[in-house]
Amino acid sequence: MTEAEWRTSGDASAMLRSLPQPVSGRRCLLAVCGYGRRIEQYVPHASVVLHLAECERGADGLTTIDNSNEAMHDRIDSVAAPFPRDSSQRRISVSLLECLFVAQLERPYIHTGSYQVLRTSVVNLMRIDPGNDRSGPERHSDEWRAHWEHERNAQADIVRDIFGNPFRPVAFAAAWLTDTAVAIAQGMYESRDFAAMPILADALQDAGCDNEDILNHCRGPGPHVRGCWVTDAVLNKE
């Protein structure tokens, strides 16, 4: 994948495969969690959202998660039973659990099929048109396909937010990491509210940062999630 393709790709899984392998397990997991947080309003099971939160804590070593095959199948069995096999309610819950599972393997990755099921289920649950839950994009309305493409791009944008631009690595000067910058980044990380990213840019710039990639990322449209490459660097995270 070229730098131009990285900047414009809508395929989150292909983007991760293009990085030096294996990718960071923490970052891969937070990429799934970031999209999971985006769509959690459509997930019908509170237990899946609770597991999502547990995985966020696990990414930072704050809890130990049983990620065995047995535990994964137990979680899927518990959420799959109440809904028909082909329903989007069942498919979104199962596919999110699958993505969280594979992101925590010894060689983490994002499952291409499960990630596609996630975004397809989200758009089906928006009830834009009455197409069958298993229908591909070509069997739906133009509006449905536009929303599907929007979700596809959102998944890729989260990967870019977390991994930055691998073709242009950035080194942070210690002088930039002032108490103010660290406090702003820590507050956003803990709250998952990244509205203060432009304020972080101002704090970094006041400390002498003149790197356009950093400042533009902070002042850009986002999205920003836990694991954002700038806040991670300010907080000295992996």
Protein backbone atom coordinates (compact mmCIF):
# COMPACT_ATOMS: atom_id res chain seq x y z
CA MET A 1 0.00 0.00 0.00
CA THR A 2 1.35 3.42 -0.98
CA GLU A 3 1.10 6.55 1.15
CA ALA A 4 -1.63 7.91 -1.12
CA GLU A 5 -3.60 4.67 -0.74
CA TRP A 6 -3.14 4.77 3.04
CA ARG A 7 -4.56 8.30 3.19
CA THR A 8 -7.65 7.46 1.12
CA SER A 9 -8.34 3.76 1.72
CA GLY A 10 -11.72 2.71 3.08
CA ASP A 11 -10.55 -0.83 3.91
CA ALA A 12 -9.49 -0.92 7.57
CA SER A 13 -8.43 -4.56 7.41
CA ALA A 14 -6.23 -4.05 4.34
CA MET A 15 -4.64 -1.02 5.99
CA LEU A 16 -3.67 -3.05 9.04
CA ARG A 17 -2.31 -5.87 6.87
CA SER A 18 -0.07 -3.34 5.12
CA LEU A 19 1.67 -2.39 8.39
CA PRO A 20 4.77 -4.21 9.67
CA GLN A 21 3.54 -7.42 11.28
CA PRO A 22 2.50 -8.22 13.87
CA VAL A 23 0.73 -4.95 14.60
CA SER A 24 0.51 -3.62 18.14
CA GLY A 25 -2.08 -5.71 19.97
CA ARG A 26 -3.13 -2.74 22.08
CA ARG A 27 -3.66 -0.50 19.08
CA CYS A 28 -5.47 -3.16 17.07
CA LEU A 29 -7.81 -3.80 20.01
CA LEU A 30 -8.44 -0.07 20.50
CA ALA A 31 -9.28 0.26 16.80
CA VAL A 32 -12.05 -2.30 17.25
CA CYS A 33 -13.12 -0.68 20.53
CA GLY A 34 -13.20 2.74 18.87
CA TYR A 35 -15.62 1.53 16.21
CA GLY A 36 -17.55 -0.43 18.83
CA ARG A 37 -18.08 2.78 20.79
CA ARG A 38 -19.27 4.50 17.63
CA ILE A 39 -21.99 1.89 17.06
CA GLU A 40 -22.83 0.80 20.62
CA GLN A 41 -26.31 2.38 20.42
CA TYR A 42 -27.22 -0.34 17.91
CA VAL A 43 -25.89 -3.26 19.98
CA PRO A 44 -28.90 -4.87 21.69
CA HIS A 45 -27.00 -6.70 24.45
CA ALA A 46 -25.71 -4.81 27.48
CA SER A 47 -23.30 -7.69 28.09
CA VAL A 48 -21.56 -6.99 24.76
CA VAL A 49 -21.12 -3.31 25.62
CA LEU A 50 -19.80 -4.31 29.05
CA HIS A 51 -17.31 -6.65 27.37
CA LEU A 52 -16.30 -3.80 25.07
CA ALA A 53 -15.53 -1.64 28.11
CA GLU A 54 -13.62 -4.53 29.67
CA CYS A 55 -11.51 -4.83 26.51
CA GLU A 56 -10.70 -1.11 26.69
CA ARG A 57 -9.43 -1.60 30.23
CA GLY A 58 -7.60 -4.74 29.17
CA ALA A 59 -5.81 -2.83 26.42
CA ASP A 60 -4.20 -0.72 29.13
CA GLY A 61 -3.45 -3.69 31.38
CA LEU A 62 -6.06 -2.67 33.93
CA THR A 63 -7.84 -6.02 33.88
CA THR A 64 -7.25 -9.56 32.67
CA ILE A 65 -9.64 -10.88 30.03
CA ASP A 66 -10.33 -14.54 29.43
CA ASN A 67 -9.82 -14.62 25.67
CA SER A 68 -9.85 -18.38 25.30
CA ASN A 69 -11.87 -20.06 22.55
CA GLU A 70 -14.20 -21.47 25.21
CA ALA A 71 -14.90 -18.05 26.73
CA MET A 72 -15.46 -16.54 23.30
CA HIS A 73 -17.96 -19.23 22.31
CA ASP A 74 -19.78 -18.86 25.64
CA ARG A 75 -20.15 -15.11 25.04
CA ILE A 76 -21.46 -15.67 21.52
CA ASP A 77 -23.90 -18.37 22.63
CA SER A 78 -25.30 -16.09 25.32
CA VAL A 79 -26.08 -13.23 22.92
CA ALA A 80 -27.08 -15.23 19.85
CA ALA A 81 -29.96 -17.20 21.34
CA PRO A 82 -32.68 -14.49 21.63
CA PHE A 83 -32.62 -13.47 17.95
CA PRO A 84 -33.19 -15.25 14.62
CA ARG A 85 -29.99 -16.43 12.96
CA ASP A 86 -30.09 -13.92 10.08
CA SER A 87 -31.23 -10.90 12.10
CA SER A 88 -29.01 -7.83 12.25
CA GLN A 89 -29.42 -7.74 16.05
CA ARG A 90 -27.76 -11.11 16.33
CA ARG A 91 -25.16 -10.44 13.65
CA ILE A 92 -23.96 -7.12 15.09
CA SER A 93 -23.49 -8.63 18.56
CA VAL A 94 -21.70 -11.74 17.32
CA SER A 95 -19.47 -9.91 14.84
CA LEU A 96 -18.39 -7.35 17.45
CA LEU A 97 -17.46 -10.15 19.85
CA GLU A 98 -15.53 -11.88 17.05
CA CYS A 99 -13.61 -8.71 16.22
CA LEU A 100 -12.74 -8.13 19.88
CA PHE A 101 -11.58 -11.74 20.13
CA VAL A 102 -9.24 -11.78 17.14
CA ALA A 103 -7.77 -8.39 18.07
CA GLN A 104 -6.46 -10.02 21.26
CA LEU A 105 -4.78 -13.03 19.67
CA GLU A 106 -1.02 -13.52 19.78
CA ARG A 107 -0.90 -12.12 16.25
CA PRO A 108 -3.77 -9.61 16.39
CA TYR A 109 -5.76 -8.56 13.37
CA ILE A 110 -9.18 -7.26 12.35
CA HIS A 111 -11.37 -9.93 10.77
CA THR A 112 -12.39 -8.61 7.35
CA GLY A 113 -15.68 -10.51 7.20
CA SER A 114 -16.75 -9.64 10.74
CA TYR A 115 -15.89 -5.97 10.25
CA GLN A 116 -18.04 -5.91 7.10
CA VAL A 117 -20.90 -7.58 8.96
CA LEU A 118 -20.60 -4.92 11.67
CA ARG A 119 -21.07 -2.01 9.30
CA THR A 120 -23.74 -3.81 7.28
CA SER A 121 -25.70 -4.58 10.45
CA VAL A 122 -25.42 -0.97 11.62
CA VAL A 123 -26.92 0.35 8.40
CA ASN A 124 -29.64 -2.33 8.43
CA LEU A 125 -30.55 -1.29 11.97
CA MET A 126 -30.94 2.32 10.81
CA ARG A 127 -34.03 1.02 8.96
CA ILE A 128 -33.30 3.11 5.88
CA ASP A 129 -35.01 0.66 3.53
CA PRO A 130 -36.69 -2.74 3.91
CA GLY A 131 -33.99 -4.77 2.17
CA ASN A 132 -33.24 -8.22 3.54
CA ASP A 133 -30.74 -8.19 6.43
CA ARG A 134 -28.40 -10.49 4.49
CA SER A 135 -28.57 -8.52 1.24
CA GLY A 136 -25.37 -7.00 -0.09
CA PRO A 137 -25.07 -3.26 -0.79
CA GLU A 138 -26.12 -3.72 -4.40
CA ARG A 139 -29.56 -4.93 -3.26
CA HIS A 140 -30.33 -1.76 -1.30
CA SER A 141 -31.25 1.84 -2.04
CA ASP A 142 -28.77 4.59 -2.91
CA GLU A 143 -29.30 6.06 0.57
CA TRP A 144 -28.49 2.73 2.23
CA ARG A 145 -25.32 2.34 0.15
CA ALA A 146 -24.23 5.89 1.03
CA HIS A 147 -24.57 5.12 4.75
CA TRP A 148 -22.71 1.82 4.26
CA GLU A 149 -19.83 3.64 2.55
CA HIS A 150 -19.84 6.21 5.36
CA GLU A 151 -19.43 3.45 7.96
CA ARG A 152 -16.69 1.81 5.89
CA ASN A 153 -14.78 5.08 5.81
CA ALA A 154 -15.36 5.59 9.54
CA GLN A 155 -13.68 2.25 10.26
CA ALA A 156 -10.68 3.26 8.15
CA ASP A 157 -10.51 6.73 9.69
CA ILE A 158 -10.25 5.18 13.16
CA VAL A 159 -7.31 3.06 11.97
CA ARG A 160 -5.64 6.23 10.65
CA ASP A 161 -6.31 8.02 13.95
CA ILE A 162 -4.64 5.24 15.92
CA PHE A 163 -1.72 4.33 13.66
CA GLY A 164 -1.05 7.74 12.16
CA ASN A 165 0.76 7.80 8.84
CA PRO A 166 3.29 4.93 8.80
CA PHE A 167 5.04 6.59 5.86
CA ARG A 168 5.78 9.71 7.94
CA PRO A 169 6.71 8.71 11.48
CA VAL A 170 6.86 11.58 13.96
CA ALA A 171 9.15 11.94 16.96
CA PHE A 172 7.85 13.98 19.90
CA ALA A 173 10.32 16.28 21.66
CA ALA A 174 10.32 15.96 25.44
CA ALA A 175 9.94 19.74 25.72
CA TRP A 176 6.51 19.56 24.09
CA LEU A 177 5.13 17.28 26.79
CA THR A 178 4.29 19.98 29.30
CA ASP A 179 2.06 19.44 32.32
CA THR A 180 -0.71 21.27 30.46
CA ALA A 181 -0.47 19.10 27.35
CA VAL A 182 -0.37 15.89 29.39
CA ALA A 183 -3.37 16.96 31.50
CA ILE A 184 -5.44 17.75 28.40
CA ALA A 185 -4.55 14.43 26.75
CA GLN A 186 -5.21 12.46 29.94
CA GLY A 187 -8.61 14.07 30.41
CA MET A 188 -9.66 13.20 26.88
CA TYR A 189 -8.33 9.66 27.15
CA GLU A 190 -10.20 8.94 30.38
CA SER A 191 -13.48 10.55 29.27
CA ARG A 192 -13.33 9.37 25.62
CA ASP A 193 -14.36 12.95 24.78
CA PHE A 194 -11.83 14.37 22.32
CA ALA A 195 -13.42 17.77 21.78
CA ALA A 196 -10.33 19.38 23.32
CA MET A 197 -7.99 18.18 20.55
CA PRO A 198 -7.62 21.74 19.14
CA ILE A 199 -6.74 22.93 22.65
CA LEU A 200 -4.09 20.20 22.82
CA ALA A 201 -2.71 21.53 19.53
CA ASP A 202 -2.44 25.01 21.08
CA ALA A 203 -0.67 23.61 24.15
CA LEU A 204 1.81 21.67 22.01
CA GLN A 205 2.43 24.67 19.79
CA ASP A 206 2.98 26.91 22.84
CA ALA A 207 5.61 24.38 23.96
CA GLY A 208 7.46 24.69 20.66
CA CYS A 209 5.86 22.01 18.48
CA ASP A 210 5.88 23.10 14.85
CA ASN A 211 5.18 19.71 13.25
CA GLU A 212 2.31 20.16 10.81
CA ASP A 213 1.29 16.49 10.89
CA ILE A 214 0.73 16.70 14.66
CA LEU A 215 -0.98 20.10 14.67
CA ASN A 216 -3.20 19.35 11.66
CA HIS A 217 -4.26 16.02 13.16
CA CYS A 218 -5.29 17.74 16.39
CA ARG A 219 -7.18 20.47 14.56
CA GLY A 220 -8.69 18.23 11.90
CA PRO A 221 -12.19 16.75 11.81
CA GLY A 222 -11.24 13.43 13.40
CA PRO A 223 -12.54 11.02 14.44
CA HIS A 224 -10.39 10.66 17.56
CA VAL A 225 -10.63 7.64 19.83
CA ARG A 226 -8.64 6.02 22.60
CA GLY A 227 -5.30 5.13 21.07
CA CYS A 228 -5.12 8.28 18.91
CA TRP A 229 -1.46 8.47 17.89
CA VAL A 230 -1.02 12.05 19.13
CA THR A 231 -2.58 11.58 22.57
CA ASP A 232 -0.74 8.27 22.94
CA ALA A 233 2.55 10.04 22.27
CA VAL A 234 1.76 12.81 24.75
CA LEU A 235 0.85 10.20 27.38
CA ASN A 236 3.87 8.04 26.54
CA LYS A 237 1.72 5.03 25.69
CA GLU A 238 2.72 2.24 23.31
